[in-house]
C-alpha atoms as a PDB file:
ATOM      1  CA  MET A   1      89.987 108.571  59.042  1.00  0.00           C
ATOM      2  CA  MET A   2      90.610 107.898  55.328  1.00  0.00           C
ATOM      3  CA  GLU A   3      89.357 110.883  53.476  1.00  0.00           C
ATOM      4  CA  LYS A   4      88.863 109.668  49.910  1.00  0.00           C
ATOM      5  CA  ASN A   5      85.748 110.038  47.541  1.00  0.00           C
ATOM      6  CA  TYR A   6      84.699 107.158  45.313  1.00  0.00           C
ATOM      7  CA  ASP A   7      81.977 107.137  42.633  1.00  0.00           C
ATOM      8  CA  THR A   8      80.987 103.375  42.780  1.00  0.00           C
ATOM      9  CA  LEU A   9      81.149 100.514  45.383  1.00  0.00           C
ATOM     10  CA  ALA A  10      83.279  98.591  43.021  1.00  0.00           C
ATOM     11  CA  GLU A  11      86.013 101.604  42.694  1.00  0.00           C
ATOM     12  CA  ALA A  12      86.122 101.822  46.520  1.00  0.00           C
ATOM     13  CA  THR A  13      86.637  98.169  47.314  1.00  0.00           C
ATOM     14  CA  PHE A  14      89.048  97.676  44.527  1.00  0.00           C
ATOM     15  CA  ASP A  15      91.286 100.876  45.908  1.00  0.00           C
ATOM     16  CA  LEU A  16      90.869  99.644  49.588  1.00  0.00           C
ATOM     17  CA  ASP A  17      92.087  96.034  48.528  1.00  0.00           C
ATOM     18  CA  GLN A  18      95.091  97.784  46.705  1.00  0.00           C
ATOM     19  CA  ARG A  19      95.734  99.714  50.128  1.00  0.00           C
ATOM     20  CA  GLY A  20      95.937  96.434  52.099  1.00  0.00           C
ATOM     21  CA  TYR A  21      92.257  95.981  53.021  1.00  0.00           C
ATOM     22  CA  THR A  22      92.102  92.567  51.595  1.00  0.00           C
ATOM     23  CA  GLU A  23      89.951  90.686  54.169  1.00  0.00           C
ATOM     24  CA  ASN A  24      86.175  90.553  53.912  1.00  0.00           C
ATOM     25  CA  PHE A  25      84.251  91.014  57.231  1.00  0.00           C
ATOM     26  CA  LYS A  26      80.745  89.940  58.229  1.00  0.00           C
ATOM     27  CA  ALA A  27      78.828  91.079  61.354  1.00  0.00           C
ATOM     28  CA  GLU A  28      77.208  88.064  62.506  1.00  0.00           C
ATOM     29  CA  GLU A  29      75.197  87.423  65.688  1.00  0.00           C
ATOM     30  CA  ASN A  30      77.949  87.836  68.327  1.00  0.00           C
ATOM     31  CA  PHE A  31      81.115  88.303  66.157  1.00  0.00           C
ATOM     32  CA  VAL A  32      82.459  90.087  63.271  1.00  0.00           C
ATOM     33  CA  THR A  33      83.880  87.176  61.081  1.00  0.00           C
ATOM     34  CA  ALA A  34      86.664  87.688  58.660  1.00  0.00           C
ATOM     35  CA  LEU A  35      85.571  85.328  55.954  1.00  0.00           C
ATOM     36  CA  ASN A  36      88.925  84.395  54.167  1.00  0.00           C
ATOM     37  CA  SER A  37      90.690  83.443  57.529  1.00  0.00           C
ATOM     38  CA  GLY A  38      87.724  82.458  59.647  1.00  0.00           C
ATOM     39  CA  LYS A  39      88.970  84.671  62.479  1.00  0.00           C
ATOM     40  CA  LYS A  40      86.239  85.817  64.860  1.00  0.00           C
ATOM     41  CA  TYR A  41      86.468  89.397  66.453  1.00  0.00           C
ATOM     42  CA  ARG A  42      84.566  91.345  69.034  1.00  0.00           C
ATOM     43  CA  PRO A  43      83.823  94.892  68.143  1.00  0.00           C
ATOM     44  CA  GLN A  44      86.432  96.125  70.658  1.00  0.00           C
ATOM     45  CA  ASP A  45      89.067  94.235  68.661  1.00  0.00           C
ATOM     46  CA  LEU A  46      88.162  96.287  65.715  1.00  0.00           C
ATOM     47  CA  LEU A  47      88.589  99.863  64.411  1.00  0.00           C
ATOM     48  CA  ILE A  48      86.603 101.450  61.536  1.00  0.00           C
ATOM     49  CA  THR A  49      89.124 103.756  59.751  1.00  0.00           C
ATOM     50  CA  GLY A  50      86.928 104.938  56.847  1.00  0.00           C
ATOM     51  CA  TYR A  51      83.413 104.419  55.485  1.00  0.00           C
ATOM     52  CA  TYR A  52      81.738 105.290  52.214  1.00  0.00           C
ATOM     53  CA  ARG A  53      78.086 105.361  51.304  1.00  0.00           C
ATOM     54  CA  PHE A  54      76.773 104.742  47.854  1.00  0.00           C
ATOM     55  CA  GLU A  55      72.682 105.513  47.110  1.00  0.00           C
ATOM     56  CA  GLY A  56      70.981 103.585  44.452  1.00  0.00           C
ATOM     57  CA  LYS A  57      70.451 105.728  41.220  1.00  0.00           C
ATOM     58  CA  SER A  58      66.581 105.013  41.139  1.00  0.00           C
ATOM     59  CA  ASP A  59      65.821 104.642  44.815  1.00  0.00           C
ATOM     60  CA  PRO A  60      68.111 106.684  47.362  1.00  0.00           C
ATOM     61  CA  ALA A  61      66.863 104.124  50.019  1.00  0.00           C
ATOM     62  CA  ASP A  62      68.557 101.315  48.199  1.00  0.00           C
ATOM     63  CA  SER A  63      72.089 102.064  49.441  1.00  0.00           C
ATOM     64  CA  VAL A  64      75.298 100.364  50.438  1.00  0.00           C
ATOM     65  CA  GLU A  65      77.933 101.509  52.769  1.00  0.00           C
ATOM     66  CA  VAL A  66      81.439 100.023  52.817  1.00  0.00           C
ATOM     67  CA  PHE A  67      83.437 100.139  55.904  1.00  0.00           C
ATOM     68  CA  ALA A  68      87.399 100.000  56.126  1.00  0.00           C
ATOM     69  CA  ILE A  69      88.198  97.955  59.130  1.00  0.00           C
ATOM     70  CA  GLU A  70      91.355  97.317  60.952  1.00  0.00           C
ATOM     71  CA  ALA A  71      91.599  94.564  63.782  1.00  0.00           C
ATOM     72  CA  ASN A  72      93.945  94.535  66.760  1.00  0.00           C
ATOM     73  CA  ASP A  73      96.088  91.835  65.129  1.00  0.00           C
ATOM     74  CA  ASN A  74      96.651  94.070  62.003  1.00  0.00           C
ATOM     75  CA  THR A  75      94.239  92.285  59.841  1.00  0.00           C
ATOM     76  CA  LYS A  76      92.646  94.809  57.377  1.00  0.00           C
ATOM     77  CA  GLY A  77      89.443  94.558  55.332  1.00  0.00           C
ATOM     78  CA  THR A  78      86.110  95.771  54.286  1.00  0.00           C
ATOM     79  CA  LEU A  79      82.711  94.958  55.512  1.00  0.00           C
ATOM     80  CA  VAL A  80      79.742  95.820  53.017  1.00  0.00           C
ATOM     81  CA  MET A  81      76.362  96.731  54.422  1.00  0.00           C
ATOM     82  CA  SER A  82      73.245  96.956  52.338  1.00  0.00           C
ATOM     83  CA  TYR A  83      70.537  99.059  53.477  1.00  0.00           C
ATOM     84  CA  GLY A  84      66.994  99.092  52.004  1.00  0.00           C
ATOM     85  CA  ALA A  85      67.117  95.511  50.945  1.00  0.00           C
ATOM     86  CA  LYS A  86      67.260  92.500  53.267  1.00  0.00           C
ATOM     87  CA  HIS A  87      70.654  91.928  54.650  1.00  0.00           C
ATOM     88  CA  SER A  88      72.292  89.440  56.875  1.00  0.00           C
ATOM     89  CA  GLN A  89      74.586  91.873  58.905  1.00  0.00           C
ATOM     90  CA  ASN A  90      74.265  92.516  62.567  1.00  0.00           C
ATOM     91  CA  THR A  91      73.839  96.288  62.490  1.00  0.00           C
ATOM     92  CA  ASP A  92      73.965  96.658  66.214  1.00  0.00           C
ATOM     93  CA  LEU A  93      77.204  94.889  66.314  1.00  0.00           C
ATOM     94  CA  ILE A  94      78.599  97.031  63.590  1.00  0.00           C
ATOM     95  CA  ARG A  95      77.572 100.151  65.725  1.00  0.00           C
ATOM     96  CA  GLU A  96      79.802  98.891  68.562  1.00  0.00           C
ATOM     97  CA  ILE A  97      82.976  99.369  66.734  1.00  0.00           C
ATOM     98  CA  GLU A  98      84.744 102.427  67.310  1.00  0.00           C
ATOM     99  CA  THR A  99      85.435 104.768  64.447  1.00  0.00           C
ATOM    100  CA  LYS A 100      88.791 106.484  64.226  1.00  0.00           C
ATOM    101  CA  GLU A 101      88.272 110.298  64.587  1.00  0.00           C
ATOM    102  CA  ARG A 102      89.446 112.593  61.727  1.00  0.00           C
ATOM    103  CA  ASP A 103      92.888 114.147  62.622  1.00  0.00           C
END
């Protein structure tokens, strides 16, 4: 698992992009979709290699989490999940993705 601390979501997504996590993923009803390529993945085709949570300054319940994800076809990208506000991500599908344990 990647161990890195970021102060902001923008800093995290920029650094991850620089490290090859260039795809943008979205958890839809039945699949996680790679928005740039249009590829669809099942949770078992993916691995979460890092995740980072950012809380809102005025309301801790208004938080965002970014997941660094690698697919079995070597596609690497991020999935940004917003909490507290209305979101369109399938959180149950995200929970089905295996998370790489720390070494």
